[in-house]
Amino acid sequence: MSDAAPYGFKLEPTTIQGIRTKMMIPDPDTANIARLMFEMYAEPSTSFGDIARYFAQEGILVYEKELSRGFISQMLSNPIYAQADLELYEFFKGRGAVVVNKAADFAGTNGPRVYLCPTW
């Protein structure tokens, strides 16, 4: 895992099966802002521009900057924010992705770890 967590998360040191690593946990300072972006975009009539304008009007900064539509698009399409449940498993499998984990591992308690590979 890299040393940078996606917006809305922070990395916390942990040990899993004797291996020191880091896990992502919600960042209390930014998780609600990230959640707000997703909630706003879930409304069918809301655009990236609408979200950017709302955040600017409210003085909400992300990484100490005003939001751009490009950042919002990138963030909202990042699979790291998805809950790894059976629906997500079927989504990736249905698009021809090679999923290493078993379907039973997609229990809705984790986020996915996605690797994009070139077509063989």
C-alpha atoms as a PDB file:
ATOM      1  CA  MET A   1       0.000   0.000   0.000  1.00  0.00           C
ATOM      2  CA  SER A   2       1.323   3.444  -0.811  1.00  0.00           C
ATOM      3  CA  ASP A   3       1.993   6.052   1.851  1.00  0.00           C
ATOM      4  CA  ALA A   4      -0.893   8.217   0.632  1.00  0.00           C
ATOM      5  CA  ALA A   5      -4.482   7.370   1.449  1.00  0.00           C
ATOM      6  CA  PRO A   6      -7.374   8.429  -0.789  1.00  0.00           C
ATOM      7  CA  TYR A   7      -9.212  11.579   0.274  1.00  0.00           C
ATOM      8  CA  GLY A   8     -11.454  10.861   3.266  1.00  0.00           C
ATOM      9  CA  PHE A   9      -9.164   8.170   4.679  1.00  0.00           C
ATOM     10  CA  LYS A  10      -5.948   7.950   6.635  1.00  0.00           C
ATOM     11  CA  LEU A  11      -3.493   5.106   7.063  1.00  0.00           C
ATOM     12  CA  GLU A  12      -3.166   3.445  10.417  1.00  0.00           C
ATOM     13  CA  PRO A  13      -0.332   1.032  11.245  1.00  0.00           C
ATOM     14  CA  THR A  14      -1.534  -2.466  12.076  1.00  0.00           C
ATOM     15  CA  THR A  15      -0.290  -6.050  12.207  1.00  0.00           C
ATOM     16  CA  ILE A  16      -2.152  -8.767  10.326  1.00  0.00           C
ATOM     17  CA  GLN A  17      -1.054 -12.367  10.767  1.00  0.00           C
ATOM     18  CA  GLY A  18       2.297 -11.175  12.088  1.00  0.00           C
ATOM     19  CA  ILE A  19       2.923  -8.811   9.172  1.00  0.00           C
ATOM     20  CA  ARG A  20       3.253  -5.098   9.863  1.00  0.00           C
ATOM     21  CA  THR A  21       1.217  -3.096   7.374  1.00  0.00           C
ATOM     22  CA  LYS A  22      -1.188  -0.176   7.212  1.00  0.00           C
ATOM     23  CA  MET A  23      -4.931  -0.142   6.831  1.00  0.00           C
ATOM     24  CA  MET A  24      -7.215   2.608   5.644  1.00  0.00           C
ATOM     25  CA  ILE A  25      -9.631   4.029   8.164  1.00  0.00           C
ATOM     26  CA  PRO A  26     -12.008   6.973   7.774  1.00  0.00           C
ATOM     27  CA  ASP A  27     -10.334  10.310   8.486  1.00  0.00           C
ATOM     28  CA  PRO A  28     -12.584  12.178  10.920  1.00  0.00           C
ATOM     29  CA  ASP A  29     -11.548  15.502   9.367  1.00  0.00           C
ATOM     30  CA  THR A  30     -12.369  14.658   5.737  1.00  0.00           C
ATOM     31  CA  ALA A  31     -14.627  11.570   5.567  1.00  0.00           C
ATOM     32  CA  ASN A  32     -17.823  13.619   5.833  1.00  0.00           C
ATOM     33  CA  ILE A  33     -16.699  15.869   2.977  1.00  0.00           C
ATOM     34  CA  ALA A  34     -16.010  12.846   0.762  1.00  0.00           C
ATOM     35  CA  ARG A  35     -19.362  11.316   1.739  1.00  0.00           C
ATOM     36  CA  LEU A  36     -21.123  14.599   0.885  1.00  0.00           C
ATOM     37  CA  MET A  37     -19.659  14.523  -2.646  1.00  0.00           C
ATOM     38  CA  PHE A  38     -21.029  11.010  -3.181  1.00  0.00           C
ATOM     39  CA  GLU A  39     -24.428  11.878  -1.696  1.00  0.00           C
ATOM     40  CA  MET A  40     -24.730  14.959  -3.890  1.00  0.00           C
ATOM     41  CA  TYR A  41     -23.741  13.066  -7.044  1.00  0.00           C
ATOM     42  CA  ALA A  42     -26.273  10.343  -6.248  1.00  0.00           C
ATOM     43  CA  GLU A  43     -28.960  12.894  -7.086  1.00  0.00           C
ATOM     44  CA  PRO A  44     -29.681  12.430 -10.813  1.00  0.00           C
ATOM     45  CA  SER A  45     -29.738  16.144 -11.615  1.00  0.00           C
ATOM     46  CA  THR A  46     -26.420  16.971  -9.877  1.00  0.00           C
ATOM     47  CA  SER A  47     -23.338  17.518 -12.044  1.00  0.00           C
ATOM     48  CA  PHE A  48     -19.661  17.757 -11.155  1.00  0.00           C
ATOM     49  CA  GLY A  49     -19.972  21.496 -11.721  1.00  0.00           C
ATOM     50  CA  ASP A  50     -22.871  21.693  -9.260  1.00  0.00           C
ATOM     51  CA  ILE A  51     -20.757  19.999  -6.612  1.00  0.00           C
ATOM     52  CA  ALA A  52     -17.755  22.252  -7.285  1.00  0.00           C
ATOM     53  CA  ARG A  53     -19.951  25.381  -7.105  1.00  0.00           C
ATOM     54  CA  TYR A  54     -21.603  24.247  -3.853  1.00  0.00           C
ATOM     55  CA  PHE A  55     -18.258  23.552  -2.205  1.00  0.00           C
ATOM     56  CA  ALA A  56     -16.912  26.935  -3.379  1.00  0.00           C
ATOM     57  CA  GLN A  57     -19.991  28.772  -2.061  1.00  0.00           C
ATOM     58  CA  GLU A  58     -19.698  27.000   1.293  1.00  0.00           C
ATOM     59  CA  GLY A  59     -15.938  27.618   1.492  1.00  0.00           C
ATOM     60  CA  ILE A  60     -15.203  23.884   1.672  1.00  0.00           C
ATOM     61  CA  LEU A  61     -11.654  23.161   0.538  1.00  0.00           C
ATOM     62  CA  VAL A  62     -10.138  19.817  -0.387  1.00  0.00           C
ATOM     63  CA  TYR A  63      -6.384  19.564   0.092  1.00  0.00           C
ATOM     64  CA  GLU A  64      -6.566  23.296   0.886  1.00  0.00           C
ATOM     65  CA  LYS A  65      -7.879  24.087  -2.625  1.00  0.00           C
ATOM     66  CA  GLU A  66     -11.227  24.673  -4.280  1.00  0.00           C
ATOM     67  CA  LEU A  67     -12.579  21.573  -5.989  1.00  0.00           C
ATOM     68  CA  SER A  68     -12.202  21.125  -9.721  1.00  0.00           C
ATOM     69  CA  ARG A  69     -14.585  19.085 -11.844  1.00  0.00           C
ATOM     70  CA  GLY A  70     -11.646  16.872 -12.840  1.00  0.00           C
ATOM     71  CA  PHE A  71     -10.837  16.012  -9.231  1.00  0.00           C
ATOM     72  CA  ILE A  72     -14.493  15.263  -8.491  1.00  0.00           C
ATOM     73  CA  SER A  73     -14.760  13.019 -11.562  1.00  0.00           C
ATOM     74  CA  GLN A  74     -11.599  11.140 -10.632  1.00  0.00           C
ATOM     75  CA  MET A  75     -12.651  10.698  -7.025  1.00  0.00           C
ATOM     76  CA  LEU A  76     -16.206   9.571  -7.776  1.00  0.00           C
ATOM     77  CA  SER A  77     -14.979   6.981 -10.279  1.00  0.00           C
ATOM     78  CA  ASN A  78     -12.248   5.555  -8.009  1.00  0.00           C
ATOM     79  CA  PRO A  79     -13.218   1.976  -7.061  1.00  0.00           C
ATOM     80  CA  ILE A  80     -11.446   2.334  -3.705  1.00  0.00           C
ATOM     81  CA  TYR A  81     -14.583   4.081  -2.421  1.00  0.00           C
ATOM     82  CA  ALA A  82     -16.813   1.139  -3.334  1.00  0.00           C
ATOM     83  CA  GLN A  83     -17.895  -1.427  -0.787  1.00  0.00           C
ATOM     84  CA  ALA A  84     -16.628  -4.887  -1.716  1.00  0.00           C
ATOM     85  CA  ASP A  85     -19.904  -6.773  -1.742  1.00  0.00           C
ATOM     86  CA  LEU A  86     -21.305  -9.449  -4.025  1.00  0.00           C
ATOM     87  CA  GLU A  87     -22.782  -6.817  -6.363  1.00  0.00           C
ATOM     88  CA  LEU A  88     -19.320  -5.343  -6.935  1.00  0.00           C
ATOM     89  CA  TYR A  89     -17.839  -8.812  -7.453  1.00  0.00           C
ATOM     90  CA  GLU A  90     -20.445  -9.548 -10.131  1.00  0.00           C
ATOM     91  CA  PHE A  91     -19.838  -6.129 -11.713  1.00  0.00           C
ATOM     92  CA  PHE A  92     -16.114  -6.780 -12.197  1.00  0.00           C
ATOM     93  CA  LYS A  93     -16.577 -10.432 -13.249  1.00  0.00           C
ATOM     94  CA  GLY A  94     -19.272  -9.406 -15.745  1.00  0.00           C
ATOM     95  CA  ARG A  95     -16.794  -7.072 -17.416  1.00  0.00           C
ATOM     96  CA  GLY A  96     -14.149  -9.754 -17.797  1.00  0.00           C
ATOM     97  CA  ALA A  97     -11.933  -8.713 -14.883  1.00  0.00           C
ATOM     98  CA  VAL A  98      -9.821 -11.378 -13.265  1.00  0.00           C
ATOM     99  CA  VAL A  99     -10.886 -11.400  -9.621  1.00  0.00           C
ATOM    100  CA  VAL A 100      -8.419 -13.263  -7.424  1.00  0.00           C
ATOM    101  CA  ASN A 101     -10.579 -13.471  -4.322  1.00  0.00           C
ATOM    102  CA  LYS A 102     -13.551 -15.816  -4.000  1.00  0.00           C
ATOM    103  CA  ALA A 103     -17.052 -14.371  -4.173  1.00  0.00           C
ATOM    104  CA  ALA A 104     -17.450 -15.189  -0.464  1.00  0.00           C
ATOM    105  CA  ASP A 105     -14.686 -12.671   0.325  1.00  0.00           C
ATOM    106  CA  PHE A 106     -16.939  -9.897  -0.986  1.00  0.00           C
ATOM    107  CA  ALA A 107     -18.939  -9.673   2.242  1.00  0.00           C
ATOM    108  CA  GLY A 108     -19.413  -5.897   2.285  1.00  0.00           C
ATOM    109  CA  THR A 109     -16.950  -5.269   5.106  1.00  0.00           C
ATOM    110  CA  ASN A 110     -13.988  -4.039   3.034  1.00  0.00           C
ATOM    111  CA  GLY A 111     -13.204  -1.888   0.073  1.00  0.00           C
ATOM    112  CA  PRO A 112     -11.880  -3.557  -3.081  1.00  0.00           C
ATOM    113  CA  ARG A 113      -8.255  -3.700  -4.070  1.00  0.00           C
ATOM    114  CA  VAL A 114      -8.355  -3.354  -7.831  1.00  0.00           C
ATOM    115  CA  TYR A 115      -5.529  -4.013 -10.250  1.00  0.00           C
ATOM    116  CA  LEU A 116      -5.989  -3.119 -13.878  1.00  0.00           C
ATOM    117  CA  CYS A 117      -4.148  -5.375 -16.271  1.00  0.00           C
ATOM    118  CA  PRO A 118      -3.671  -5.054 -20.003  1.00  0.00           C
ATOM    119  CA  THR A 119      -5.634  -7.408 -22.197  1.00  0.00           C
ATOM    120  CA  TRP A 120      -3.612 -10.581 -22.683  1.00  0.00           C
END
